[in-house]
N, C-alpha and C. Protein backbone atom coordinates (compact mmCIF):
# COMPACT_ATOMS: atom_id res chain seq x y z
N MET A 1 -19.88 16.03 3.89
CA MET A 1 -19.42 16.80 5.00
C MET A 1 -17.84 16.59 5.15
N SER A 2 -17.03 17.36 5.28
CA SER A 2 -15.76 17.16 5.53
C SER A 2 -15.27 17.24 7.24
N VAL A 3 -14.50 16.00 6.99
CA VAL A 3 -13.93 15.97 8.38
C VAL A 3 -12.48 15.86 8.34
N THR A 4 -11.83 16.10 9.68
CA THR A 4 -10.52 16.07 9.68
C THR A 4 -9.79 14.80 10.29
N ILE A 5 -8.72 14.31 9.88
CA ILE A 5 -8.26 12.75 10.50
C ILE A 5 -7.11 13.24 10.83
N LYS A 6 -6.58 13.21 12.18
CA LYS A 6 -5.44 13.25 12.77
C LYS A 6 -4.34 12.05 12.31
N ILE A 7 -3.50 12.20 11.73
CA ILE A 7 -2.57 11.16 11.50
C ILE A 7 -1.18 10.83 12.52
N PRO A 8 -1.29 9.62 13.16
CA PRO A 8 -0.04 9.48 13.87
C PRO A 8 1.07 9.52 13.26
N THR A 9 2.39 9.58 14.16
CA THR A 9 3.84 9.68 13.05
C THR A 9 4.08 8.18 12.49
N PRO A 10 3.67 6.98 12.98
CA PRO A 10 4.15 6.09 12.08
C PRO A 10 3.00 6.01 11.15
N LEU A 11 2.22 6.48 10.75
CA LEU A 11 1.44 6.55 9.45
C LEU A 11 1.65 7.60 8.37
N ARG A 12 2.37 8.65 8.92
CA ARG A 12 2.99 9.95 8.07
C ARG A 12 3.40 9.44 6.85
N THR A 13 4.38 8.28 6.78
CA THR A 13 5.16 8.42 5.52
C THR A 13 4.08 7.67 4.46
N LEU A 14 2.72 7.27 4.73
CA LEU A 14 1.85 7.35 3.58
C LEU A 14 1.23 8.46 3.37
N THR A 15 1.18 9.63 4.18
CA THR A 15 0.68 10.82 3.84
C THR A 15 1.33 11.70 3.79
N ALA A 16 2.58 11.46 2.92
CA ALA A 16 3.54 12.30 2.49
C ALA A 16 3.86 13.30 3.47
N GLY A 17 3.81 12.68 4.94
CA GLY A 17 4.34 13.81 6.27
C GLY A 17 3.43 14.23 6.70
N ALA A 18 2.13 14.69 6.03
CA ALA A 18 0.87 15.22 6.69
C ALA A 18 0.52 14.72 8.12
N ASP A 19 0.13 15.57 8.95
CA ASP A 19 -0.19 15.16 10.16
C ASP A 19 -1.92 15.41 10.67
N GLU A 20 -2.24 16.21 9.44
CA GLU A 20 -3.77 15.90 9.43
C GLU A 20 -4.44 15.80 7.86
N VAL A 21 -5.42 15.27 7.64
CA VAL A 21 -6.16 15.28 6.37
C VAL A 21 -7.70 15.59 6.35
N SER A 22 -8.22 15.89 5.06
CA SER A 22 -9.61 16.15 5.05
C SER A 22 -10.19 15.23 4.54
N VAL A 23 -11.19 14.84 4.58
CA VAL A 23 -11.78 13.98 3.83
C VAL A 23 -13.30 14.29 4.16
N GLU A 24 -14.05 13.76 2.83
CA GLU A 24 -15.55 14.00 3.05
C GLU A 24 -15.91 12.71 3.24
N ALA A 25 -16.77 12.50 4.59
CA ALA A 25 -17.23 11.16 5.11
C ALA A 25 -18.49 11.42 6.15
N SER A 26 -19.40 10.36 6.28
CA SER A 26 -20.39 10.64 7.32
C SER A 26 -20.03 9.78 8.21
N THR A 27 -19.51 8.60 7.98
CA THR A 27 -19.09 7.68 8.96
C THR A 27 -17.56 7.44 9.47
N ILE A 28 -17.34 6.56 10.21
CA ILE A 28 -15.63 6.28 10.48
C ILE A 28 -15.27 5.63 9.14
N ARG A 29 -16.21 4.29 8.86
CA ARG A 29 -15.97 3.70 7.82
C ARG A 29 -15.50 4.27 6.39
N ALA A 30 -16.27 5.34 6.33
CA ALA A 30 -16.17 6.01 5.09
C ALA A 30 -15.12 6.79 5.02
N ALA A 31 -14.92 7.26 6.49
CA ALA A 31 -13.91 8.29 6.32
C ALA A 31 -12.50 7.50 6.29
N ILE A 32 -12.24 6.30 6.71
CA ILE A 32 -11.04 5.48 6.41
C ILE A 32 -11.20 4.86 5.07
N ASP A 33 -12.35 4.73 4.33
CA ASP A 33 -12.17 4.29 2.49
C ASP A 33 -11.77 5.50 2.13
N ALA A 34 -12.25 6.94 2.25
CA ALA A 34 -11.78 7.82 1.88
C ALA A 34 -10.51 8.16 1.60
N LEU A 35 -9.85 7.98 3.23
CA LEU A 35 -8.25 7.90 3.30
C LEU A 35 -7.50 7.16 2.78
N GLU A 36 -8.18 5.60 2.47
CA GLU A 36 -7.31 4.76 1.37
C GLU A 36 -7.30 5.38 -0.20
N THR A 37 -8.31 6.12 -0.75
CA THR A 37 -8.62 6.50 -1.75
C THR A 37 -7.43 7.37 -2.00
N GLN A 38 -7.22 8.18 -0.97
CA GLN A 38 -6.16 9.45 -1.14
C GLN A 38 -4.92 8.97 -0.78
N TYR A 39 -4.60 8.01 0.26
CA TYR A 39 -3.40 7.38 0.36
C TYR A 39 -3.26 5.76 0.61
N PRO A 40 -3.29 5.29 -0.81
CA PRO A 40 -3.57 3.72 -0.86
C PRO A 40 -2.37 3.18 0.28
N GLY A 41 -2.79 1.82 0.67
CA GLY A 41 -2.25 0.87 1.77
C GLY A 41 -2.84 1.59 3.18
N ILE A 42 -2.86 2.62 3.25
CA ILE A 42 -3.30 3.20 4.87
C ILE A 42 -4.21 2.37 5.59
N LYS A 43 -5.24 1.83 4.75
CA LYS A 43 -6.23 1.07 5.61
C LYS A 43 -6.01 -0.12 6.04
N ASP A 44 -4.87 -0.41 5.51
CA ASP A 44 -4.59 -1.79 6.03
C ASP A 44 -3.74 -1.60 7.22
N ARG A 45 -3.22 -0.91 7.25
CA ARG A 45 -2.54 -0.25 8.80
C ARG A 45 -3.20 0.06 9.61
N ILE A 46 -4.58 0.46 9.59
CA ILE A 46 -5.43 0.64 10.65
C ILE A 46 -6.73 -0.36 11.00
N CYS A 47 -7.03 -1.26 9.57
CA CYS A 47 -7.90 -2.17 9.90
C CYS A 47 -7.67 -3.69 9.34
N ASP A 48 -8.42 -4.34 9.96
CA ASP A 48 -8.05 -5.85 9.50
C ASP A 48 -9.58 -6.28 9.09
N GLU A 49 -9.54 -7.85 8.80
CA GLU A 49 -10.71 -8.43 8.53
C GLU A 49 -11.82 -8.23 9.14
N LYS A 50 -11.66 -7.85 10.86
CA LYS A 50 -12.64 -7.84 11.83
C LYS A 50 -12.95 -6.22 12.25
N GLY A 51 -12.35 -5.68 11.76
CA GLY A 51 -12.57 -4.05 11.81
C GLY A 51 -11.07 -2.91 12.35
N ILE A 52 -11.25 -2.35 13.10
CA ILE A 52 -10.11 -1.67 13.80
C ILE A 52 -9.03 -2.66 14.27
N ARG A 53 -8.09 -2.55 13.70
CA ARG A 53 -6.87 -3.45 14.30
C ARG A 53 -6.49 -3.58 15.90
N ARG A 54 -6.72 -4.37 16.70
CA ARG A 54 -6.25 -4.22 18.25
C ARG A 54 -5.63 -3.34 18.88
N PHE A 55 -3.99 -2.91 18.22
CA PHE A 55 -3.38 -2.00 18.47
C PHE A 55 -3.79 -0.61 18.11
N VAL A 56 -4.75 -0.47 17.46
CA VAL A 56 -5.10 0.87 17.28
C VAL A 56 -6.07 1.32 17.58
N ASN A 57 -6.44 2.68 17.94
CA ASN A 57 -7.49 3.53 18.66
C ASN A 57 -7.87 4.49 17.79
N VAL A 58 -9.22 4.46 17.51
CA VAL A 58 -9.84 5.41 16.89
C VAL A 58 -10.88 6.48 17.67
N PHE A 59 -10.44 7.62 17.48
CA PHE A 59 -11.78 8.33 18.14
C PHE A 59 -12.47 9.53 17.46
N ALA A 60 -13.49 9.44 17.61
CA ALA A 60 -14.48 11.05 16.93
C ALA A 60 -14.87 12.04 17.84
N ASN A 61 -14.10 12.83 18.07
CA ASN A 61 -14.04 13.98 18.60
C ASN A 61 -14.06 13.68 20.31
N GLU A 62 -12.99 12.69 20.31
CA GLU A 62 -12.33 12.53 21.78
C GLU A 62 -12.96 11.47 22.37
N GLU A 63 -13.98 10.64 21.41
CA GLU A 63 -14.89 9.21 22.21
C GLU A 63 -14.02 8.29 21.49
N ASP A 64 -13.68 7.17 21.99
CA ASP A 64 -13.40 6.00 21.77
C ASP A 64 -14.47 5.36 20.78
N ILE A 65 -14.30 5.02 19.49
CA ILE A 65 -15.47 4.74 18.66
C ILE A 65 -15.90 3.30 18.77
N ARG A 66 -14.75 2.50 19.65
CA ARG A 66 -15.39 0.93 20.17
C ARG A 66 -16.49 1.24 21.27
N PHE A 67 -16.68 2.38 21.98
CA PHE A 67 -17.67 2.57 22.69
C PHE A 67 -18.74 3.50 22.31
N LEU A 68 -18.92 3.50 20.85
CA LEU A 68 -19.93 4.08 19.90
C LEU A 68 -20.67 3.06 19.30
N ASN A 69 -20.49 3.52 17.91
CA ASN A 69 -20.78 2.15 16.97
C ASN A 69 -19.80 1.76 16.12
N SER A 70 -18.36 1.89 16.51
CA SER A 70 -17.07 1.18 15.95
C SER A 70 -17.38 2.18 14.33
N LEU A 71 -16.83 1.14 13.50
CA LEU A 71 -16.75 1.72 11.80
C LEU A 71 -17.94 2.23 11.67
N ASP A 72 -19.16 2.32 12.09
CA ASP A 72 -20.86 2.87 11.92
C ASP A 72 -20.99 4.03 12.47
N THR A 73 -19.88 4.56 13.33
CA THR A 73 -20.30 5.89 14.12
C THR A 73 -20.25 6.63 13.25
N GLU A 74 -21.29 7.70 13.33
CA GLU A 74 -21.61 8.90 12.20
C GLU A 74 -20.72 10.03 12.73
N LEU A 75 -20.59 10.64 11.57
CA LEU A 75 -19.72 12.07 11.62
C LEU A 75 -20.34 13.23 11.23
N SER A 76 -20.35 14.21 11.61
CA SER A 76 -20.92 15.30 11.03
C SER A 76 -19.64 16.15 10.64
N ASP A 77 -20.22 17.54 10.11
CA ASP A 77 -19.10 18.49 9.14
C ASP A 77 -18.38 19.08 10.46
N LYS A 78 -17.22 19.24 10.29
CA LYS A 78 -15.95 19.73 10.89
C LYS A 78 -15.88 18.72 12.15
N ASP A 79 -15.86 17.65 12.23
CA ASP A 79 -15.78 16.66 13.13
C ASP A 79 -13.81 16.26 13.09
N VAL A 80 -13.85 15.88 14.18
CA VAL A 80 -12.20 15.25 13.97
C VAL A 80 -12.17 13.97 14.44
N VAL A 81 -11.52 13.07 13.67
CA VAL A 81 -11.17 11.76 13.73
C VAL A 81 -9.46 11.26 14.27
N SER A 82 -9.08 11.00 15.43
CA SER A 82 -7.82 10.80 15.47
C SER A 82 -7.49 9.02 15.65
N ILE A 83 -6.32 8.85 15.15
CA ILE A 83 -5.78 7.71 14.92
C ILE A 83 -4.86 7.76 16.09
N VAL A 84 -4.81 6.76 17.03
CA VAL A 84 -3.92 6.51 17.89
C VAL A 84 -3.15 5.26 18.14
N PRO A 85 -2.17 5.16 17.69
CA PRO A 85 -1.69 3.67 17.90
C PRO A 85 -1.36 3.63 19.52
N ALA A 86 -1.75 2.15 19.89
CA ALA A 86 -1.46 1.85 21.37
C ALA A 86 -0.08 1.51 21.49
N ILE A 87 0.26 2.15 22.75
CA ILE A 87 1.57 1.94 23.17
C ILE A 87 1.84 1.19 24.23
N ALA A 88 2.70 0.21 24.08
CA ALA A 88 2.97 -0.69 25.37
C ALA A 88 4.52 -0.63 26.06
N GLY A 89 4.41 -1.34 26.97
CA GLY A 89 6.12 -1.20 27.37
C GLY A 89 6.39 -0.41 28.77
N GLY A 90 7.54 -0.23 28.90
CA GLY A 90 7.88 0.43 30.02
C GLY A 90 8.58 -0.20 31.02
N SER A 91 8.96 -0.07 32.39
CA SER A 91 9.18 -0.81 33.40
C SER A 91 8.34 -1.45 33.98
N ASP A 92 9.22 -2.30 34.66
CA ASP A 92 8.34 -3.12 35.69
C ASP A 92 8.53 -2.66 37.40
N PRO A 93 7.30 -2.03 37.50
CA PRO A 93 7.20 -1.33 39.12
C PRO A 93 7.94 -2.28 40.17
N LEU A 94 7.89 -3.75 40.07
CA LEU A 94 8.17 -4.66 41.11
C LEU A 94 9.69 -4.63 40.87
N ARG A 95 10.44 -4.25 39.98
CA ARG A 95 11.91 -4.55 39.97
C ARG A 95 12.81 -3.46 40.85
């Protein structure tokens, strides 16, 4: 089944500038593996030895996979997977 993966700006250097790519996958794990096959090196930016990196969020149809089945979250045809890097910083409101 074909799923769309939305690629954040920092990872687009690995996808030749593409902001969305399609892969054939039935789980998040399979989608990331397929992404790695097409764009070598991208998996290391998303995952570490424990799973999804701490400062990377992955959503399946707007649902955070950490609250679903993580890498084993099932996907259906035409689903959309979004990779979103966590953003930190800003000003101290107490200053």
